[in-house]
C-alpha atoms as a PDB file:
ATOM      1  CA  MET A   1      72.177  69.435 116.511  1.00  0.00           C
ATOM      2  CA  ILE A   2      68.802  68.411 115.053  1.00  0.00           C
ATOM      3  CA  HIS A   3      69.029  67.420 111.377  1.00  0.00           C
ATOM      4  CA  CYS A   4      66.169  68.780 109.256  1.00  0.00           C
ATOM      5  CA  LEU A   5      64.723  67.965 105.836  1.00  0.00           C
ATOM      6  CA  ALA A   6      62.449  70.555 104.168  1.00  0.00           C
ATOM      7  CA  ILE A   7      59.940  69.547 101.470  1.00  0.00           C
ATOM      8  CA  ASP A   8      57.796  71.948  99.444  1.00  0.00           C
ATOM      9  CA  ASP A   9      57.027  72.092  95.729  1.00  0.00           C
ATOM     10  CA  GLU A  10      56.724  75.908  95.841  1.00  0.00           C
ATOM     11  CA  PRO A  11      60.228  77.447  95.485  1.00  0.00           C
ATOM     12  CA  LEU A  12      59.438  80.605  97.478  1.00  0.00           C
ATOM     13  CA  ALA A  13      57.870  78.644 100.332  1.00  0.00           C
ATOM     14  CA  LEU A  14      60.832  76.255 100.331  1.00  0.00           C
ATOM     15  CA  GLU A  15      63.309  79.131 100.425  1.00  0.00           C
ATOM     16  CA  GLN A  16      61.475  80.654 103.397  1.00  0.00           C
ATOM     17  CA  LEU A  17      61.521  77.341 105.233  1.00  0.00           C
ATOM     18  CA  LYS A  18      65.255  76.971 104.559  1.00  0.00           C
ATOM     19  CA  THR A  19      65.892  80.455 105.937  1.00  0.00           C
ATOM     20  CA  TYR A  20      63.903  79.806 109.107  1.00  0.00           C
ATOM     21  CA  ILE A  21      65.666  76.513 109.782  1.00  0.00           C
ATOM     22  CA  GLU A  22      69.086  78.077 109.273  1.00  0.00           C
ATOM     23  CA  LYS A  23      68.208  80.963 111.632  1.00  0.00           C
ATOM     24  CA  THR A  24      67.016  78.691 114.434  1.00  0.00           C
ATOM     25  CA  GLU A  25      69.559  77.636 117.031  1.00  0.00           C
ATOM     26  CA  GLY A  26      69.804  73.884 117.457  1.00  0.00           C
ATOM     27  CA  LEU A  27      68.553  73.063 113.953  1.00  0.00           C
ATOM     28  CA  THR A  28      70.677  72.279 110.916  1.00  0.00           C
ATOM     29  CA  LEU A  29      69.399  71.900 107.364  1.00  0.00           C
ATOM     30  CA  VAL A  30      70.447  68.674 105.645  1.00  0.00           C
ATOM     31  CA  ALA A  31      68.513  69.285 102.422  1.00  0.00           C
ATOM     32  CA  ALA A  32      65.618  71.234 100.912  1.00  0.00           C
ATOM     33  CA  VAL A  33      63.768  69.381  98.154  1.00  0.00           C
ATOM     34  CA  GLU A  34      60.691  69.940  96.004  1.00  0.00           C
ATOM     35  CA  SER A  35      59.218  66.439  95.956  1.00  0.00           C
ATOM     36  CA  ALA A  36      58.617  63.380  98.115  1.00  0.00           C
ATOM     37  CA  ALA A  37      60.652  61.288  95.654  1.00  0.00           C
ATOM     38  CA  GLU A  38      63.737  63.425  96.319  1.00  0.00           C
ATOM     39  CA  ALA A  39      63.029  63.321 100.044  1.00  0.00           C
ATOM     40  CA  ARG A  40      63.073  59.513 100.074  1.00  0.00           C
ATOM     41  CA  LYS A  41      66.675  59.498  98.817  1.00  0.00           C
ATOM     42  CA  TRP A  42      67.824  61.725 101.656  1.00  0.00           C
ATOM     43  CA  LEU A  43      65.881  59.743 104.250  1.00  0.00           C
ATOM     44  CA  ALA A  44      67.453  56.518 103.003  1.00  0.00           C
ATOM     45  CA  ASN A  45      71.033  57.769 103.190  1.00  0.00           C
ATOM     46  CA  GLU A  46      71.245  60.544 105.746  1.00  0.00           C
ATOM     47  CA  ARG A  47      70.396  61.082 109.375  1.00  0.00           C
ATOM     48  CA  ILE A  48      67.123  63.026 109.404  1.00  0.00           C
ATOM     49  CA  ASP A  49      65.592  63.905 112.776  1.00  0.00           C
ATOM     50  CA  VAL A  50      62.680  66.045 111.603  1.00  0.00           C
ATOM     51  CA  VAL A  51      60.814  66.585 108.327  1.00  0.00           C
ATOM     52  CA  PHE A  52      59.041  69.844 107.557  1.00  0.00           C
ATOM     53  CA  THR A  53      56.743  68.975 104.677  1.00  0.00           C
ATOM     54  CA  ASP A  54      53.975  70.549 102.636  1.00  0.00           C
ATOM     55  CA  ILE A  55      50.806  68.480 102.233  1.00  0.00           C
ATOM     56  CA  GLN A  56      49.617  69.268  98.716  1.00  0.00           C
ATOM     57  CA  MET A  57      52.403  68.211  96.365  1.00  0.00           C
ATOM     58  CA  PRO A  58      52.250  66.981  92.756  1.00  0.00           C
ATOM     59  CA  ASP A  59      53.875  63.552  93.119  1.00  0.00           C
ATOM     60  CA  ILE A  60      52.297  62.368  96.374  1.00  0.00           C
ATOM     61  CA  ASN A  61      50.157  63.894  99.110  1.00  0.00           C
ATOM     62  CA  GLY A  62      52.257  64.783 102.160  1.00  0.00           C
ATOM     63  CA  MET A  63      50.015  62.717 104.427  1.00  0.00           C
ATOM     64  CA  ASP A  64      50.394  59.652 102.232  1.00  0.00           C
ATOM     65  CA  PHE A  65      54.139  60.244 102.070  1.00  0.00           C
ATOM     66  CA  VAL A  66      54.445  60.163 105.864  1.00  0.00           C
ATOM     67  CA  ARG A  67      52.198  57.095 106.095  1.00  0.00           C
ATOM     68  CA  SER A  68      54.455  55.302 103.611  1.00  0.00           C
ATOM     69  CA  LEU A  69      57.561  55.667 105.787  1.00  0.00           C
ATOM     70  CA  ASP A  70      58.514  52.594 107.821  1.00  0.00           C
ATOM     71  CA  THR A  71      60.123  54.646 110.585  1.00  0.00           C
ATOM     72  CA  PRO A  72      59.148  58.287 110.121  1.00  0.00           C
ATOM     73  CA  PRO A  73      61.161  60.969 111.919  1.00  0.00           C
ATOM     74  CA  ILE A  74      59.502  63.847 113.741  1.00  0.00           C
ATOM     75  CA  VAL A  75      56.995  65.394 111.313  1.00  0.00           C
ATOM     76  CA  VAL A  76      55.800  68.986 111.005  1.00  0.00           C
ATOM     77  CA  PHE A  77      53.281  69.776 108.274  1.00  0.00           C
ATOM     78  CA  THR A  78      53.284  73.153 106.512  1.00  0.00           C
ATOM     79  CA  THR A  79      50.230  73.989 104.411  1.00  0.00           C
ATOM     80  CA  ALA A  80      47.842  76.743 103.401  1.00  0.00           C
ATOM     81  CA  TYR A  81      44.781  74.589 104.119  1.00  0.00           C
ATOM     82  CA  SER A  82      43.585  74.472 107.729  1.00  0.00           C
ATOM     83  CA  GLN A  83      41.231  71.533 107.090  1.00  0.00           C
ATOM     84  CA  TYR A  84      44.249  69.208 107.106  1.00  0.00           C
ATOM     85  CA  ALA A  85      45.099  69.902 110.745  1.00  0.00           C
ATOM     86  CA  VAL A  86      43.072  67.078 112.303  1.00  0.00           C
ATOM     87  CA  GLU A  87      44.194  64.582 109.667  1.00  0.00           C
ATOM     88  CA  GLY A  88      47.780  65.646 110.257  1.00  0.00           C
ATOM     89  CA  PHE A  89      47.657  64.677 113.905  1.00  0.00           C
ATOM     90  CA  LYS A  90      46.186  61.313 112.936  1.00  0.00           C
ATOM     91  CA  VAL A  91      49.545  60.416 111.361  1.00  0.00           C
ATOM     92  CA  ASN A  92      51.332  61.479 114.565  1.00  0.00           C
ATOM     93  CA  ALA A  93      52.576  64.802 113.250  1.00  0.00           C
ATOM     94  CA  LEU A  94      54.154  66.846 116.030  1.00  0.00           C
ATOM     95  CA  ASP A  95      52.829  70.166 114.805  1.00  0.00           C
ATOM     96  CA  TYR A  96      51.121  72.010 111.986  1.00  0.00           C
ATOM     97  CA  LEU A  97      52.215  75.377 110.517  1.00  0.00           C
ATOM     98  CA  LEU A  98      49.521  77.224 108.595  1.00  0.00           C
ATOM     99  CA  LYS A  99      50.837  79.303 105.681  1.00  0.00           C
ATOM    100  CA  PRO A 100      51.695  82.086 105.628  1.00  0.00           C
ATOM    101  CA  PHE A 101      53.622  81.741 108.889  1.00  0.00           C
ATOM    102  CA  GLY A 102      56.339  83.981 110.268  1.00  0.00           C
ATOM    103  CA  LEU A 103      59.588  83.353 112.109  1.00  0.00           C
ATOM    104  CA  ASP A 104      57.875  83.627 115.504  1.00  0.00           C
ATOM    105  CA  ASP A 105      55.425  80.869 114.550  1.00  0.00           C
ATOM    106  CA  PHE A 106      58.255  78.724 113.266  1.00  0.00           C
ATOM    107  CA  GLU A 107      60.322  79.210 116.426  1.00  0.00           C
ATOM    108  CA  GLN A 108      57.384  78.108 118.593  1.00  0.00           C
ATOM    109  CA  THR A 109      57.164  74.908 116.549  1.00  0.00           C
ATOM    110  CA  ALA A 110      60.950  74.527 116.705  1.00  0.00           C
ATOM    111  CA  GLU A 111      60.750  74.535 120.519  1.00  0.00           C
ATOM    112  CA  LYS A 112      58.271  71.658 120.338  1.00  0.00           C
ATOM    113  CA  VAL A 113      60.632  69.834 118.003  1.00  0.00           C
ATOM    114  CA  LYS A 114      63.537  70.308 120.411  1.00  0.00           C
ATOM    115  CA  ARG A 115      61.526  68.986 123.349  1.00  0.00           C
ATOM    116  CA  GLN A 116      60.361  65.962 121.374  1.00  0.00           C
ATOM    117  CA  TYR A 117      63.872  65.307 120.113  1.00  0.00           C
ATOM    118  CA  ALA A 118      65.232  65.483 123.669  1.00  0.00           C
ATOM    119  CA  LEU A 119      62.671  62.937 124.846  1.00  0.00           C
ATOM    120  CA  LEU A 120      63.460  60.579 121.961  1.00  0.00           C
ATOM    121  CA  HIS A 121      67.192  61.045 122.423  1.00  0.00           C
ATOM    122  CA  GLN A 122      66.978  60.228 126.112  1.00  0.00           C
ATOM    123  CA  ALA A 123      65.142  57.024 125.254  1.00  0.00           C
ATOM    124  CA  ASP A 124      67.707  56.215 122.581  1.00  0.00           C
ATOM    125  CA  THR A 125      70.719  56.729 124.823  1.00  0.00           C
ATOM    126  CA  ALA A 126      69.080  54.614 127.509  1.00  0.00           C
ATOM    127  CA  VAL A 127      68.960  51.672 125.100  1.00  0.00           C
ATOM    128  CA  ARG A 128      71.917  52.313 122.860  1.00  0.00           C
ATOM    129  CA  PRO A 129      74.876  51.424 125.133  1.00  0.00           C
ATOM    130  CA  SER A 130      73.650  47.854 125.541  1.00  0.00           C
ATOM    131  CA  THR A 131      74.051  47.267 121.791  1.00  0.00           C
ATOM    132  CA  VAL A 132      77.777  47.937 122.036  1.00  0.00           C
ATOM    133  CA  ASP A 133      78.404  46.766 125.592  1.00  0.00           C
ATOM    134  CA  ASP A 134      81.321  44.535 124.590  1.00  0.00           C
ATOM    135  CA  GLY A 135      82.845  47.242 122.384  1.00  0.00           C
ATOM    136  CA  ALA A 136      82.420  45.315 119.155  1.00  0.00           C
ATOM    137  CA  ILE A 137      80.258  45.011 116.054  1.00  0.00           C
ATOM    138  CA  PHE A 138      79.964  42.224 113.483  1.00  0.00           C
ATOM    139  CA  LEU A 139      80.223  42.862 109.744  1.00  0.00           C
ATOM    140  CA  LYS A 140      79.370  40.660 106.785  1.00  0.00           C
ATOM    141  CA  THR A 141      82.158  40.846 104.226  1.00  0.00           C
ATOM    142  CA  ASP A 142      83.578  38.484 101.597  1.00  0.00           C
ATOM    143  CA  TYR A 143      81.043  35.723 102.407  1.00  0.00           C
ATOM    144  CA  LYS A 144      82.011  35.687 106.066  1.00  0.00           C
ATOM    145  CA  THR A 145      81.160  37.514 109.270  1.00  0.00           C
ATOM    146  CA  ILE A 146      83.961  39.252 111.154  1.00  0.00           C
ATOM    147  CA  ARG A 147      84.175  40.874 114.560  1.00  0.00           C
ATOM    148  CA  VAL A 148      85.375  44.484 114.634  1.00  0.00           C
ATOM    149  CA  GLU A 149      86.424  46.235 117.817  1.00  0.00           C
ATOM    150  CA  THR A 150      84.791  49.670 117.737  1.00  0.00           C
ATOM    151  CA  ASP A 151      87.792  51.301 119.456  1.00  0.00           C
ATOM    152  CA  ASN A 152      89.933  50.048 116.579  1.00  0.00           C
ATOM    153  CA  ILE A 153      87.912  51.923 113.926  1.00  0.00           C
ATOM    154  CA  ARG A 154      89.728  55.080 112.837  1.00  0.00           C
ATOM    155  CA  TYR A 155      87.204  56.213 110.217  1.00  0.00           C
ATOM    156  CA  VAL A 156      84.583  54.853 107.846  1.00  0.00           C
ATOM    157  CA  GLU A 157      84.361  55.833 104.197  1.00  0.00           C
ATOM    158  CA  GLY A 158      81.116  55.685 102.231  1.00  0.00           C
ATOM    159  CA  MET A 159      81.333  54.077  98.786  1.00  0.00           C
ATOM    160  CA  SER A 160      77.875  54.047  97.176  1.00  0.00           C
ATOM    161  CA  GLU A 161      76.053  51.138  98.873  1.00  0.00           C
ATOM    162  CA  TYR A 162      79.196  49.949 100.675  1.00  0.00           C
ATOM    163  CA  LEU A 163      81.254  51.177 103.609  1.00  0.00           C
ATOM    164  CA  ARG A 164      85.004  50.804 103.943  1.00  0.00           C
ATOM    165  CA  PHE A 165      86.295  50.548 107.506  1.00  0.00           C
ATOM    166  CA  HIS A 166      89.802  51.872 108.200  1.00  0.00           C
ATOM    167  CA  PHE A 167      91.502  50.751 111.395  1.00  0.00           C
ATOM    168  CA  ARG A 168      93.947  52.104 113.959  1.00  0.00           C
ATOM    169  CA  ASP A 169      96.153  49.028 113.867  1.00  0.00           C
ATOM    170  CA  ASP A 170      97.774  47.471 110.793  1.00  0.00           C
ATOM    171  CA  HIS A 171      94.673  45.528 109.768  1.00  0.00           C
ATOM    172  CA  LYS A 172      93.826  46.140 106.127  1.00  0.00           C
ATOM    173  CA  PRO A 173      90.557  48.013 105.406  1.00  0.00           C
ATOM    174  CA  VAL A 174      87.343  45.999 105.380  1.00  0.00           C
ATOM    175  CA  THR A 175      84.423  46.645 103.010  1.00  0.00           C
ATOM    176  CA  ALA A 176      80.855  45.758 103.974  1.00  0.00           C
ATOM    177  CA  LEU A 177      77.426  46.182 102.416  1.00  0.00           C
ATOM    178  CA  LEU A 178      75.918  48.625 104.896  1.00  0.00           C
ATOM    179  CA  SER A 179      74.408  52.114 104.922  1.00  0.00           C
ATOM    180  CA  MET A 180      76.187  54.984 106.632  1.00  0.00           C
ATOM    181  CA  LYS A 181      72.929  56.019 108.261  1.00  0.00           C
ATOM    182  CA  ARG A 182      72.468  52.633 109.968  1.00  0.00           C
ATOM    183  CA  LEU A 183      76.061  52.576 111.194  1.00  0.00           C
ATOM    184  CA  GLU A 184      75.808  56.156 112.472  1.00  0.00           C
ATOM    185  CA  ASN A 185      72.694  55.302 114.455  1.00  0.00           C
ATOM    186  CA  TYR A 186      74.350  52.219 115.967  1.00  0.00           C
ATOM    187  CA  LEU A 187      77.790  53.396 117.051  1.00  0.00           C
ATOM    188  CA  PRO A 188      78.111  55.360 120.325  1.00  0.00           C
ATOM    189  CA  ALA A 189      77.639  59.081 119.609  1.00  0.00           C
ATOM    190  CA  THR A 190      80.147  59.960 122.333  1.00  0.00           C
ATOM    191  CA  GLN A 191      82.936  58.409 120.234  1.00  0.00           C
ATOM    192  CA  PHE A 192      81.832  58.541 116.591  1.00  0.00           C
ATOM    193  CA  MET A 193      80.532  61.423 114.483  1.00  0.00           C
ATOM    194  CA  ARG A 194      79.562  61.840 110.871  1.00  0.00           C
ATOM    195  CA  VAL A 195      81.460  64.848 109.535  1.00  0.00           C
ATOM    196  CA  HIS A 196      80.744  64.487 105.819  1.00  0.00           C
ATOM    197  CA  ARG A 197      78.255  62.693 103.625  1.00  0.00           C
ATOM    198  CA  SER A 198      80.966  60.121 102.898  1.00  0.00           C
ATOM    199  CA  TYR A 199      82.909  60.033 106.176  1.00  0.00           C
ATOM    200  CA  LEU A 200      82.299  59.008 109.783  1.00  0.00           C
ATOM    201  CA  ILE A 201      85.235  59.356 112.169  1.00  0.00           C
ATOM    202  CA  ASN A 202      86.377  58.140 115.565  1.00  0.00           C
ATOM    203  CA  LEU A 203      86.557  61.374 117.561  1.00  0.00           C
ATOM    204  CA  PHE A 204      89.334  59.894 119.708  1.00  0.00           C
ATOM    205  CA  CYS A 205      91.559  59.774 116.608  1.00  0.00           C
ATOM    206  CA  ILE A 206      91.511  63.492 115.805  1.00  0.00           C
ATOM    207  CA  ARG A 207      94.963  65.059 115.704  1.00  0.00           C
ATOM    208  CA  GLU A 208      94.205  68.447 114.131  1.00  0.00           C
ATOM    209  CA  TYR A 209      91.434  70.566 112.622  1.00  0.00           C
ATOM    210  CA  ASN A 210      92.179  73.352 110.154  1.00  0.00           C
ATOM    211  CA  ARG A 211      90.226  75.039 107.358  1.00  0.00           C
ATOM    212  CA  GLN A 212      87.318  72.615 107.468  1.00  0.00           C
ATOM    213  CA  ARG A 213      89.636  69.595 107.298  1.00  0.00           C
ATOM    214  CA  ILE A 214      90.380  67.043 110.009  1.00  0.00           C
ATOM    215  CA  THR A 215      93.727  65.309 110.298  1.00  0.00           C
ATOM    216  CA  LEU A 216      93.502  61.923 112.006  1.00  0.00           C
ATOM    217  CA  GLU A 217      96.227  60.173 113.984  1.00  0.00           C
ATOM    218  CA  GLY A 218      97.200  58.133 110.923  1.00  0.00           C
ATOM    219  CA  GLY A 219      97.699  61.291 108.860  1.00  0.00           C
ATOM    220  CA  GLU A 220      94.489  60.945 106.842  1.00  0.00           C
ATOM    221  CA  ILE A 221      92.808  64.206 105.807  1.00  0.00           C
ATOM    222  CA  ILE A 222      89.017  64.117 106.190  1.00  0.00           C
ATOM    223  CA  PRO A 223      86.839  66.978 104.849  1.00  0.00           C
ATOM    224  CA  VAL A 224      84.043  68.424 106.983  1.00  0.00           C
ATOM    225  CA  GLY A 225      80.801  68.898 105.026  1.00  0.00           C
ATOM    226  CA  ASP A 226      78.823  72.114 105.372  1.00  0.00           C
ATOM    227  CA  ILE A 227      75.764  70.431 106.900  1.00  0.00           C
ATOM    228  CA  TYR A 228      77.918  68.684 109.534  1.00  0.00           C
ATOM    229  CA  LYS A 229      80.176  71.628 110.365  1.00  0.00           C
ATOM    230  CA  ASN A 230      78.071  73.182 113.147  1.00  0.00           C
ATOM    231  CA  ALA A 231      77.699  69.923 115.023  1.00  0.00           C
ATOM    232  CA  PHE A 232      81.426  69.208 114.753  1.00  0.00           C
ATOM    233  CA  LEU A 233      82.390  72.714 115.905  1.00  0.00           C
ATOM    234  CA  ALA A 234      79.991  72.359 118.830  1.00  0.00           C
ATOM    235  CA  TYR A 235      81.821  69.157 119.803  1.00  0.00           C
ATOM    236  CA  LEU A 236      85.177  70.968 119.629  1.00  0.00           C
ATOM    237  CA  GLU A 237      83.838  73.892 121.631  1.00  0.00           C
ATOM    238  CA  GLY A 238      82.797  71.514 124.391  1.00  0.00           C
ATOM    239  CA  LYS A 239      86.365  70.159 124.570  1.00  0.00           C
ATOM    240  CA  PHE A 240      88.241  73.440 124.129  1.00  0.00           C
ATOM    241  CA  LEU A 241      90.392  74.724 126.995  1.00  0.00           C
ATOM    242  CA  TYR A 242      90.740  78.495 127.169  1.00  0.00           C
ATOM    243  CA  GLY A 243      93.749  80.224 128.674  1.00  0.00           C
END
């Protein structure tokens, strides 16, 4: 599932963008915000694969906003002014939607987004396994650095700027100064999934799922957030055995 962030200072335009994202298979809406300042908070703390952003906004021009990002995601500009098209591609925007645009126009752009995401994801998975080849990560905690076996992680709990790691064995939880987004991008996606803004779980530890709640092998109850539900259900569907 491709995680989307929508930015537009016009409420009606933002609502339309939200509706189109939610109607498009393969896309999931993480947040819809009315300013670049709000968008920065989501980009800092959540996995965002693509940003759909207006250009003319009161706090900062959409072009300048994208230029200010250290590692921008896929970018699609939405604007009523066609003269921005060339400038948009100069900041490596994938596409440009000229307002007013309909669902058909949006779906054509969404197909481009999916193809670009697939290319980037293939490159990511080609590199990613080498970072966890030995099945371990190192965490800085309590003025020391400790080795953590990734298989031993049952789930990770977000606590403001810190993460608390809960383990499958009897080891007490470990707290480290680390963002959930960075950890999510590092751990192997075949084994770990973010299911809530505050929780990332080891998929191998799932015992039961019922009413948007996951029960892990240790008996912990983990809620599934609305924006993560589709991706989690897709994972379950891929594992489900029908009679």
